[in-house]
Amino acid sequence: MKKNWVLIALIFVVCGFAVYGYGRYVAFPSPENCKACHYIKPYYDKWATSTHKMVPCLKCHVYTMEKAVASQFLFLAGSANPRPLSNVPDANCLQGGCHDKRLVESKVLFTKWNISFDHKPHFSDMKRGIKLHCRSCHSDIVQGEHVKVSKNVCYLCHFKGAKPGEAMTGCPSCHTAPKDIIKVAGKSFSHTAALKAGKKCVQCHTQITKGEGMTPKDKCFFCHVDRTDKIGDVKLIHETHVGKKQVDCLWCHDRIEHGKIKMSKTAI
């Protein structure tokens, strides 16, 4: 009789470990099972059509099976966060086989926008008193895609606080002047000749932005209930939201538009 109880107990233990092992190492890491939570499904759908679709979710995101179980209890209790925040440490982006050479081969040219960009100073240096992370620019879901660069984040940092026709870092930090002759108001215009003559960008491009990138206090209430007492402590707010929580800048800030918003009619 005693042997039977030992055998039954042993079977239960083996089955328990088998179920746990299957859940932890097979079912839980499977991206297909992430969409079991209905509010994760939109994120899953964007990932499934992205350039990262061959990369398992947990290779980037920090999440454990224990946390998933706890989240289910919170959901059943009606306390689940309808706007979940994910965490992707920089080390996961820079791990071997991923973007491990990004800081070595740091300079890239975004040909679609003709913008020169250097990852190294953005990643290594403090920018406007803020320590940036990979996800500071590569947001979660941007324009219907997964882990893409949002130009709106660039505009916010480069233009917030600048004069209407200027950038905080100057136009050449992103752009080079067009080399070809262009037509403006029916006249031929050479940027090369204008620059040699000492012309400044702002003489023609009198307004290149629209919006100030402010942070309305009402936006705090999307995440916090009656917690705006620290809104004036910019350093603390950025350390917490950008540094620790990796919150997308545009969750808090209004957008800044950038382009040929207003041109001078007399400078040409």
C-alpha atoms as a PDB file:
ATOM      1  CA  MET A   1       0.000   0.000   0.000  1.00  0.00           C
ATOM      2  CA  LYS A   2       2.804   2.329   0.968  1.00  0.00           C
ATOM      3  CA  LYS A   3       4.580   1.584  -2.330  1.00  0.00           C
ATOM      4  CA  ASN A   4       1.434   2.547  -4.244  1.00  0.00           C
ATOM      5  CA  TRP A   5       1.287   5.937  -2.502  1.00  0.00           C
ATOM      6  CA  VAL A   6       4.948   6.547  -3.251  1.00  0.00           C
ATOM      7  CA  LEU A   7       4.389   5.600  -6.877  1.00  0.00           C
ATOM      8  CA  ILE A   8       1.340   7.894  -7.143  1.00  0.00           C
ATOM      9  CA  ALA A   9       3.248  10.747  -5.506  1.00  0.00           C
ATOM     10  CA  LEU A  10       6.155  10.202  -7.871  1.00  0.00           C
ATOM     11  CA  ILE A  11       3.822  10.249 -10.894  1.00  0.00           C
ATOM     12  CA  PHE A  12       2.279  13.511  -9.683  1.00  0.00           C
ATOM     13  CA  VAL A  13       5.710  15.063  -9.180  1.00  0.00           C
ATOM     14  CA  VAL A  14       6.900  13.964 -12.640  1.00  0.00           C
ATOM     15  CA  CYS A  15       3.669  15.189 -14.257  1.00  0.00           C
ATOM     16  CA  GLY A  16       3.922  18.471 -12.354  1.00  0.00           C
ATOM     17  CA  PHE A  17       7.483  19.056 -13.568  1.00  0.00           C
ATOM     18  CA  ALA A  18       6.477  18.046 -17.103  1.00  0.00           C
ATOM     19  CA  VAL A  19       3.575  20.536 -17.160  1.00  0.00           C
ATOM     20  CA  TYR A  20       5.764  23.255 -15.638  1.00  0.00           C
ATOM     21  CA  GLY A  21       8.574  22.551 -18.101  1.00  0.00           C
ATOM     22  CA  TYR A  22       6.217  22.575 -21.080  1.00  0.00           C
ATOM     23  CA  GLY A  23       4.640  25.820 -19.920  1.00  0.00           C
ATOM     24  CA  ARG A  24       7.911  27.589 -19.158  1.00  0.00           C
ATOM     25  CA  TYR A  25      10.088  26.411 -22.033  1.00  0.00           C
ATOM     26  CA  VAL A  26       7.588  25.660 -24.832  1.00  0.00           C
ATOM     27  CA  ALA A  27       4.196  27.360 -24.435  1.00  0.00           C
ATOM     28  CA  PHE A  28       5.238  30.570 -22.649  1.00  0.00           C
ATOM     29  CA  PRO A  29       8.096  31.581 -25.013  1.00  0.00           C
ATOM     30  CA  SER A  30       5.907  31.043 -28.097  1.00  0.00           C
ATOM     31  CA  PRO A  31       4.917  34.408 -29.656  1.00  0.00           C
ATOM     32  CA  GLU A  32       1.652  32.814 -30.800  1.00  0.00           C
ATOM     33  CA  ASN A  33       0.535  32.560 -27.175  1.00  0.00           C
ATOM     34  CA  CYS A  34       1.224  36.239 -26.443  1.00  0.00           C
ATOM     35  CA  LYS A  35      -2.012  37.232 -28.159  1.00  0.00           C
ATOM     36  CA  ALA A  36      -4.007  35.204 -25.613  1.00  0.00           C
ATOM     37  CA  CYS A  37      -4.331  38.558 -23.822  1.00  0.00           C
ATOM     38  CA  HIS A  38      -6.696  40.554 -25.997  1.00  0.00           C
ATOM     39  CA  TYR A  39      -4.964  43.894 -25.406  1.00  0.00           C
ATOM     40  CA  ILE A  40      -1.660  42.425 -26.618  1.00  0.00           C
ATOM     41  CA  LYS A  41      -3.134  41.234 -29.935  1.00  0.00           C
ATOM     42  CA  PRO A  42      -2.654  44.583 -31.770  1.00  0.00           C
ATOM     43  CA  TYR A  43       1.019  44.543 -30.768  1.00  0.00           C
ATOM     44  CA  TYR A  44       1.330  40.918 -31.912  1.00  0.00           C
ATOM     45  CA  ASP A  45      -0.270  41.711 -35.278  1.00  0.00           C
ATOM     46  CA  LYS A  46       2.198  44.553 -35.901  1.00  0.00           C
ATOM     47  CA  TRP A  47       5.123  42.336 -34.886  1.00  0.00           C
ATOM     48  CA  ALA A  48       3.937  39.525 -37.197  1.00  0.00           C
ATOM     49  CA  THR A  49       4.281  41.807 -40.244  1.00  0.00           C
ATOM     50  CA  SER A  50       7.441  43.626 -39.147  1.00  0.00           C
ATOM     51  CA  THR A  51      11.130  43.127 -39.899  1.00  0.00           C
ATOM     52  CA  HIS A  52      11.433  41.519 -36.448  1.00  0.00           C
ATOM     53  CA  LYS A  53       8.831  38.836 -37.140  1.00  0.00           C
ATOM     54  CA  MET A  54      11.468  36.064 -36.966  1.00  0.00           C
ATOM     55  CA  VAL A  55      12.649  37.247 -33.528  1.00  0.00           C
ATOM     56  CA  PRO A  56      10.757  35.692 -30.557  1.00  0.00           C
ATOM     57  CA  CYS A  57       9.137  38.263 -28.273  1.00  0.00           C
ATOM     58  CA  LEU A  58      11.153  37.229 -25.216  1.00  0.00           C
ATOM     59  CA  LYS A  59      14.448  37.742 -27.012  1.00  0.00           C
ATOM     60  CA  CYS A  60      13.724  41.464 -26.717  1.00  0.00           C
ATOM     61  CA  HIS A  61      11.108  41.903 -24.004  1.00  0.00           C
ATOM     62  CA  VAL A  62      11.695  41.279 -20.311  1.00  0.00           C
ATOM     63  CA  TYR A  63       8.781  39.162 -19.093  1.00  0.00           C
ATOM     64  CA  THR A  64       8.485  36.031 -16.961  1.00  0.00           C
ATOM     65  CA  MET A  65       5.912  33.268 -16.661  1.00  0.00           C
ATOM     66  CA  GLU A  66       5.379  34.214 -13.021  1.00  0.00           C
ATOM     67  CA  LYS A  67       4.522  37.762 -14.056  1.00  0.00           C
ATOM     68  CA  ALA A  68       2.176  36.445 -16.732  1.00  0.00           C
ATOM     69  CA  VAL A  69       0.313  34.358 -14.135  1.00  0.00           C
ATOM     70  CA  ALA A  70       0.122  37.344 -11.787  1.00  0.00           C
ATOM     71  CA  SER A  71      -1.209  39.478 -14.664  1.00  0.00           C
ATOM     72  CA  GLN A  72      -4.020  36.972 -15.223  1.00  0.00           C
ATOM     73  CA  PHE A  73      -5.101  37.313 -11.603  1.00  0.00           C
ATOM     74  CA  LEU A  74      -5.002  41.115 -11.931  1.00  0.00           C
ATOM     75  CA  PHE A  75      -7.092  40.862 -15.097  1.00  0.00           C
ATOM     76  CA  LEU A  76      -9.708  38.687 -13.372  1.00  0.00           C
ATOM     77  CA  ALA A  77      -9.767  41.147 -10.491  1.00  0.00           C
ATOM     78  CA  GLY A  78     -10.378  44.023 -12.915  1.00  0.00           C
ATOM     79  CA  SER A  79      -7.029  45.671 -12.146  1.00  0.00           C
ATOM     80  CA  ALA A  80      -5.179  45.017 -15.398  1.00  0.00           C
ATOM     81  CA  ASN A  81      -3.494  47.996 -17.061  1.00  0.00           C
ATOM     82  CA  PRO A  82      -5.276  48.629 -20.393  1.00  0.00           C
ATOM     83  CA  ARG A  83      -2.143  50.433 -21.627  1.00  0.00           C
ATOM     84  CA  PRO A  84       0.623  47.938 -20.853  1.00  0.00           C
ATOM     85  CA  LEU A  85       4.229  49.120 -20.766  1.00  0.00           C
ATOM     86  CA  SER A  86       6.916  46.801 -22.057  1.00  0.00           C
ATOM     87  CA  ASN A  87      10.612  46.821 -21.273  1.00  0.00           C
ATOM     88  CA  VAL A  88      13.391  46.211 -23.787  1.00  0.00           C
ATOM     89  CA  PRO A  89      16.839  46.749 -22.224  1.00  0.00           C
ATOM     90  CA  ASP A  90      19.496  48.218 -24.500  1.00  0.00           C
ATOM     91  CA  ALA A  91      21.596  45.104 -23.878  1.00  0.00           C
ATOM     92  CA  ASN A  92      18.915  43.002 -25.608  1.00  0.00           C
ATOM     93  CA  CYS A  93      19.069  45.169 -28.733  1.00  0.00           C
ATOM     94  CA  LEU A  94      22.870  45.043 -28.754  1.00  0.00           C
ATOM     95  CA  GLN A  95      23.223  41.323 -28.039  1.00  0.00           C
ATOM     96  CA  GLY A  96      25.207  39.086 -30.362  1.00  0.00           C
ATOM     97  CA  GLY A  97      23.474  38.299 -33.641  1.00  0.00           C
ATOM     98  CA  CYS A  98      21.213  41.347 -33.376  1.00  0.00           C
ATOM     99  CA  HIS A  99      22.513  44.919 -33.467  1.00  0.00           C
ATOM    100  CA  ASP A 100      25.826  44.241 -31.746  1.00  0.00           C
ATOM    101  CA  LYS A 101      27.761  46.273 -34.361  1.00  0.00           C
ATOM    102  CA  ARG A 102      25.446  49.269 -34.229  1.00  0.00           C
ATOM    103  CA  LEU A 103      27.775  51.419 -32.093  1.00  0.00           C
ATOM    104  CA  VAL A 104      30.808  50.424 -34.178  1.00  0.00           C
ATOM    105  CA  GLU A 105      29.113  51.001 -37.532  1.00  0.00           C
ATOM    106  CA  SER A 106      27.183  53.867 -36.013  1.00  0.00           C
ATOM    107  CA  LYS A 107      26.754  56.232 -38.952  1.00  0.00           C
ATOM    108  CA  VAL A 108      23.814  55.643 -41.274  1.00  0.00           C
ATOM    109  CA  LEU A 109      22.050  57.567 -44.011  1.00  0.00           C
ATOM    110  CA  PHE A 110      18.279  57.416 -44.055  1.00  0.00           C
ATOM    111  CA  THR A 111      17.958  57.657 -47.819  1.00  0.00           C
ATOM    112  CA  LYS A 112      14.186  58.015 -47.726  1.00  0.00           C
ATOM    113  CA  TRP A 113      14.568  61.317 -45.874  1.00  0.00           C
ATOM    114  CA  ASN A 114      18.181  62.119 -46.840  1.00  0.00           C
ATOM    115  CA  ILE A 115      19.123  62.445 -43.170  1.00  0.00           C
ATOM    116  CA  SER A 116      22.581  61.592 -41.849  1.00  0.00           C
ATOM    117  CA  PHE A 117      22.477  59.984 -38.411  1.00  0.00           C
ATOM    118  CA  ASP A 118      25.133  58.816 -35.966  1.00  0.00           C
ATOM    119  CA  HIS A 119      23.958  56.354 -33.314  1.00  0.00           C
ATOM    120  CA  LYS A 120      27.023  56.650 -31.089  1.00  0.00           C
ATOM    121  CA  PRO A 121      26.627  60.215 -29.731  1.00  0.00           C
ATOM    122  CA  HIS A 122      22.887  59.755 -29.351  1.00  0.00           C
ATOM    123  CA  PHE A 123      23.419  56.584 -27.356  1.00  0.00           C
ATOM    124  CA  SER A 124      26.571  57.456 -25.417  1.00  0.00           C
ATOM    125  CA  ASP A 125      26.145  61.160 -24.620  1.00  0.00           C
ATOM    126  CA  MET A 126      23.523  62.994 -22.602  1.00  0.00           C
ATOM    127  CA  LYS A 127      21.197  64.805 -24.988  1.00  0.00           C
ATOM    128  CA  ARG A 128      19.591  67.919 -23.524  1.00  0.00           C
ATOM    129  CA  GLY A 129      20.238  66.441 -20.088  1.00  0.00           C
ATOM    130  CA  ILE A 130      18.531  63.143 -20.926  1.00  0.00           C
ATOM    131  CA  LYS A 131      20.078  59.670 -21.216  1.00  0.00           C
ATOM    132  CA  LEU A 132      18.560  58.133 -24.325  1.00  0.00           C
ATOM    133  CA  HIS A 133      17.933  54.436 -24.935  1.00  0.00           C
ATOM    134  CA  CYS A 134      17.363  52.437 -28.109  1.00  0.00           C
ATOM    135  CA  ARG A 135      13.624  52.717 -27.631  1.00  0.00           C
ATOM    136  CA  SER A 136      13.764  56.478 -27.177  1.00  0.00           C
ATOM    137  CA  CYS A 137      13.819  56.656 -30.978  1.00  0.00           C
ATOM    138  CA  HIS A 138      12.682  53.137 -31.908  1.00  0.00           C
ATOM    139  CA  SER A 139       9.220  53.303 -30.380  1.00  0.00           C
ATOM    140  CA  ASP A 140       6.840  50.356 -29.904  1.00  0.00           C
ATOM    141  CA  ILE A 141       4.265  50.964 -32.594  1.00  0.00           C
ATOM    142  CA  VAL A 142       4.975  53.812 -34.954  1.00  0.00           C
ATOM    143  CA  GLN A 143       2.779  54.606 -37.950  1.00  0.00           C
ATOM    144  CA  GLY A 144       1.369  51.081 -37.951  1.00  0.00           C
ATOM    145  CA  GLU A 145       4.749  49.350 -37.719  1.00  0.00           C
ATOM    146  CA  HIS A 146       6.714  47.592 -34.977  1.00  0.00           C
ATOM    147  CA  VAL A 147      10.024  49.014 -33.724  1.00  0.00           C
ATOM    148  CA  LYS A 148      10.488  51.721 -36.325  1.00  0.00           C
ATOM    149  CA  VAL A 149      12.026  55.173 -36.049  1.00  0.00           C
ATOM    150  CA  SER A 150       9.549  57.967 -35.457  1.00  0.00           C
ATOM    151  CA  LYS A 151      10.634  61.277 -36.980  1.00  0.00           C
ATOM    152  CA  ASN A 152       8.268  62.955 -34.527  1.00  0.00           C
ATOM    153  CA  VAL A 153      10.625  62.050 -31.674  1.00  0.00           C
ATOM    154  CA  CYS A 154      13.537  63.587 -33.608  1.00  0.00           C
ATOM    155  CA  TYR A 155      11.547  66.777 -34.157  1.00  0.00           C
ATOM    156  CA  LEU A 156      10.624  67.029 -30.497  1.00  0.00           C
ATOM    157  CA  CYS A 157      14.241  66.905 -29.348  1.00  0.00           C
ATOM    158  CA  HIS A 158      15.760  69.015 -32.132  1.00  0.00           C
ATOM    159  CA  PHE A 159      13.130  71.762 -32.243  1.00  0.00           C
ATOM    160  CA  LYS A 160      11.540  72.120 -28.798  1.00  0.00           C
ATOM    161  CA  GLY A 161      12.523  75.555 -27.511  1.00  0.00           C
ATOM    162  CA  ALA A 162      14.100  76.655 -30.821  1.00  0.00           C
ATOM    163  CA  LYS A 163      13.108  79.745 -32.803  1.00  0.00           C
ATOM    164  CA  PRO A 164      10.559  79.300 -35.668  1.00  0.00           C
ATOM    165  CA  GLY A 165      13.173  79.065 -38.445  1.00  0.00           C
ATOM    166  CA  GLU A 166      15.938  77.320 -36.506  1.00  0.00           C
ATOM    167  CA  ALA A 167      16.867  73.980 -34.913  1.00  0.00           C
ATOM    168  CA  MET A 168      18.587  73.444 -31.562  1.00  0.00           C
ATOM    169  CA  THR A 169      21.517  71.750 -33.329  1.00  0.00           C
ATOM    170  CA  GLY A 170      21.402  73.660 -36.627  1.00  0.00           C
ATOM    171  CA  CYS A 171      20.127  72.407 -39.974  1.00  0.00           C
ATOM    172  CA  PRO A 172      23.434  70.760 -41.117  1.00  0.00           C
ATOM    173  CA  SER A 173      23.315  68.341 -38.160  1.00  0.00           C
ATOM    174  CA  CYS A 174      20.669  66.382 -40.117  1.00  0.00           C
ATOM    175  CA  HIS A 175      20.561  67.805 -43.641  1.00  0.00           C
ATOM    176  CA  THR A 176      22.971  68.658 -46.405  1.00  0.00           C
ATOM    177  CA  ALA A 177      21.986  71.410 -48.818  1.00  0.00           C
ATOM    178  CA  PRO A 178      20.592  70.198 -52.176  1.00  0.00           C
ATOM    179  CA  LYS A 179      23.305  70.266 -54.849  1.00  0.00           C
ATOM    180  CA  ASP A 180      20.974  70.464 -57.835  1.00  0.00           C
ATOM    181  CA  ILE A 181      19.385  73.649 -59.126  1.00  0.00           C
ATOM    182  CA  ILE A 182      15.751  73.842 -58.032  1.00  0.00           C
ATOM    183  CA  LYS A 183      12.775  75.894 -59.180  1.00  0.00           C
ATOM    184  CA  VAL A 184      11.206  78.241 -56.633  1.00  0.00           C
ATOM    185  CA  ALA A 185       8.328  80.525 -57.621  1.00  0.00           C
ATOM    186  CA  GLY A 186       9.293  80.078 -61.259  1.00  0.00           C
ATOM    187  CA  LYS A 187      12.944  81.026 -60.656  1.00  0.00           C
ATOM    188  CA  SER A 188      16.072  78.868 -60.619  1.00  0.00           C
ATOM    189  CA  PHE A 189      17.795  78.671 -57.259  1.00  0.00           C
ATOM    190  CA  SER A 190      21.148  77.209 -56.212  1.00  0.00           C
ATOM    191  CA  HIS A 191      21.639  76.346 -52.545  1.00  0.00           C
ATOM    192  CA  THR A 192      25.385  75.969 -53.171  1.00  0.00           C
ATOM    193  CA  ALA A 193      25.687  79.513 -54.551  1.00  0.00           C
ATOM    194  CA  ALA A 194      23.497  80.930 -51.776  1.00  0.00           C
ATOM    195  CA  LEU A 195      25.626  79.355 -49.038  1.00  0.00           C
ATOM    196  CA  LYS A 196      28.838  80.578 -50.684  1.00  0.00           C
ATOM    197  CA  ALA A 197      27.337  84.071 -50.699  1.00  0.00           C
ATOM    198  CA  GLY A 198      26.812  83.840 -46.942  1.00  0.00           C
ATOM    199  CA  LYS A 199      23.081  83.243 -46.978  1.00  0.00           C
ATOM    200  CA  LYS A 200      21.556  81.556 -43.927  1.00  0.00           C
ATOM    201  CA  CYS A 201      18.864  78.865 -44.078  1.00  0.00           C
ATOM    202  CA  VAL A 202      16.481  81.008 -42.020  1.00  0.00           C
ATOM    203  CA  GLN A 203      16.512  83.782 -44.647  1.00  0.00           C
ATOM    204  CA  CYS A 204      14.371  81.599 -46.927  1.00  0.00           C
ATOM    205  CA  HIS A 205      12.979  78.989 -44.549  1.00  0.00           C
ATOM    206  CA  THR A 206      11.352  81.454 -42.172  1.00  0.00           C
ATOM    207  CA  GLN A 207       9.233  78.836 -40.398  1.00  0.00           C
ATOM    208  CA  ILE A 208      10.161  75.161 -40.377  1.00  0.00           C
ATOM    209  CA  THR A 209       8.109  73.958 -37.410  1.00  0.00           C
ATOM    210  CA  LYS A 210       4.568  74.045 -36.163  1.00  0.00           C
ATOM    211  CA  GLY A 211       3.733  73.302 -32.526  1.00  0.00           C
ATOM    212  CA  GLU A 212       5.774  73.691 -29.364  1.00  0.00           C
ATOM    213  CA  GLY A 213       5.913  70.139 -28.011  1.00  0.00           C
ATOM    214  CA  MET A 214       4.365  71.113 -24.700  1.00  0.00           C
ATOM    215  CA  THR A 215       3.257  68.641 -22.027  1.00  0.00           C
ATOM    216  CA  PRO A 216      -0.389  69.254 -21.069  1.00  0.00           C
ATOM    217  CA  LYS A 217      -1.063  68.249 -17.481  1.00  0.00           C
ATOM    218  CA  ASP A 218      -4.157  66.361 -18.643  1.00  0.00           C
ATOM    219  CA  LYS A 219      -1.933  63.755 -20.323  1.00  0.00           C
ATOM    220  CA  CYS A 220      -0.658  62.659 -16.913  1.00  0.00           C
ATOM    221  CA  PHE A 221      -4.118  61.354 -16.102  1.00  0.00           C
ATOM    222  CA  PHE A 222      -3.940  58.720 -18.843  1.00  0.00           C
ATOM    223  CA  CYS A 223      -1.624  56.797 -16.519  1.00  0.00           C
ATOM    224  CA  HIS A 224      -1.816  58.503 -13.113  1.00  0.00           C
ATOM    225  CA  VAL A 225      -4.732  59.507 -10.940  1.00  0.00           C
ATOM    226  CA  ASP A 226      -4.217  62.871  -9.267  1.00  0.00           C
ATOM    227  CA  ARG A 227      -0.413  62.733  -9.476  1.00  0.00           C
ATOM    228  CA  THR A 228       0.788  65.933 -11.091  1.00  0.00           C
ATOM    229  CA  ASP A 229       2.628  67.448  -8.121  1.00  0.00           C
ATOM    230  CA  LYS A 230       6.038  66.604  -9.671  1.00  0.00           C
ATOM    231  CA  ILE A 231       5.243  67.823 -13.188  1.00  0.00           C
ATOM    232  CA  GLY A 232       7.602  70.790 -12.763  1.00  0.00           C
ATOM    233  CA  ASP A 233      10.575  68.578 -11.879  1.00  0.00           C
ATOM    234  CA  VAL A 234      11.730  67.987 -15.465  1.00  0.00           C
ATOM    235  CA  LYS A 235      14.857  66.032 -14.468  1.00  0.00           C
ATOM    236  CA  LEU A 236      12.906  63.595 -12.279  1.00  0.00           C
ATOM    237  CA  ILE A 237      10.138  63.203 -14.855  1.00  0.00           C
ATOM    238  CA  HIS A 238      12.600  62.318 -17.614  1.00  0.00           C
ATOM    239  CA  GLU A 239      14.700  59.995 -15.424  1.00  0.00           C
ATOM    240  CA  THR A 240      11.557  58.084 -14.451  1.00  0.00           C
ATOM    241  CA  HIS A 241       9.626  58.032 -17.711  1.00  0.00           C
ATOM    242  CA  VAL A 242      12.412  57.994 -20.328  1.00  0.00           C
ATOM    243  CA  GLY A 243      15.178  56.299 -18.346  1.00  0.00           C
ATOM    244  CA  LYS A 244      13.402  53.700 -16.195  1.00  0.00           C
ATOM    245  CA  LYS A 245      10.037  53.151 -17.858  1.00  0.00           C
ATOM    246  CA  GLN A 246      11.033  53.771 -21.509  1.00  0.00           C
ATOM    247  CA  VAL A 247       7.795  55.662 -22.108  1.00  0.00           C
ATOM    248  CA  ASP A 248       7.349  56.982 -25.651  1.00  0.00           C
ATOM    249  CA  CYS A 249       8.010  60.754 -25.599  1.00  0.00           C
ATOM    250  CA  LEU A 250       4.773  61.440 -27.474  1.00  0.00           C
ATOM    251  CA  TRP A 251       2.687  59.894 -24.718  1.00  0.00           C
ATOM    252  CA  CYS A 252       3.380  63.094 -22.795  1.00  0.00           C
ATOM    253  CA  HIS A 253       4.490  65.714 -25.330  1.00  0.00           C
ATOM    254  CA  ASP A 254       2.452  67.237 -28.118  1.00  0.00           C
ATOM    255  CA  ARG A 255       3.860  66.714 -31.613  1.00  0.00           C
ATOM    256  CA  ILE A 256       6.029  69.205 -33.425  1.00  0.00           C
ATOM    257  CA  GLU A 257       5.605  69.286 -37.204  1.00  0.00           C
ATOM    258  CA  HIS A 258       8.635  70.003 -39.380  1.00  0.00           C
ATOM    259  CA  GLY A 259       8.899  70.963 -43.042  1.00  0.00           C
ATOM    260  CA  LYS A 260       8.525  73.885 -45.441  1.00  0.00           C
ATOM    261  CA  ILE A 261       5.780  75.467 -43.399  1.00  0.00           C
ATOM    262  CA  LYS A 262       6.502  79.080 -44.361  1.00  0.00           C
ATOM    263  CA  MET A 263       8.945  80.322 -47.012  1.00  0.00           C
ATOM    264  CA  SER A 264      10.148  83.855 -47.589  1.00  0.00           C
ATOM    265  CA  LYS A 265       8.814  85.472 -50.779  1.00  0.00           C
ATOM    266  CA  THR A 266      11.480  88.165 -50.958  1.00  0.00           C
ATOM    267  CA  ALA A 267      14.736  86.344 -50.112  1.00  0.00           C
ATOM    268  CA  ILE A 268      15.129  84.711 -53.537  1.00  0.00           C
END
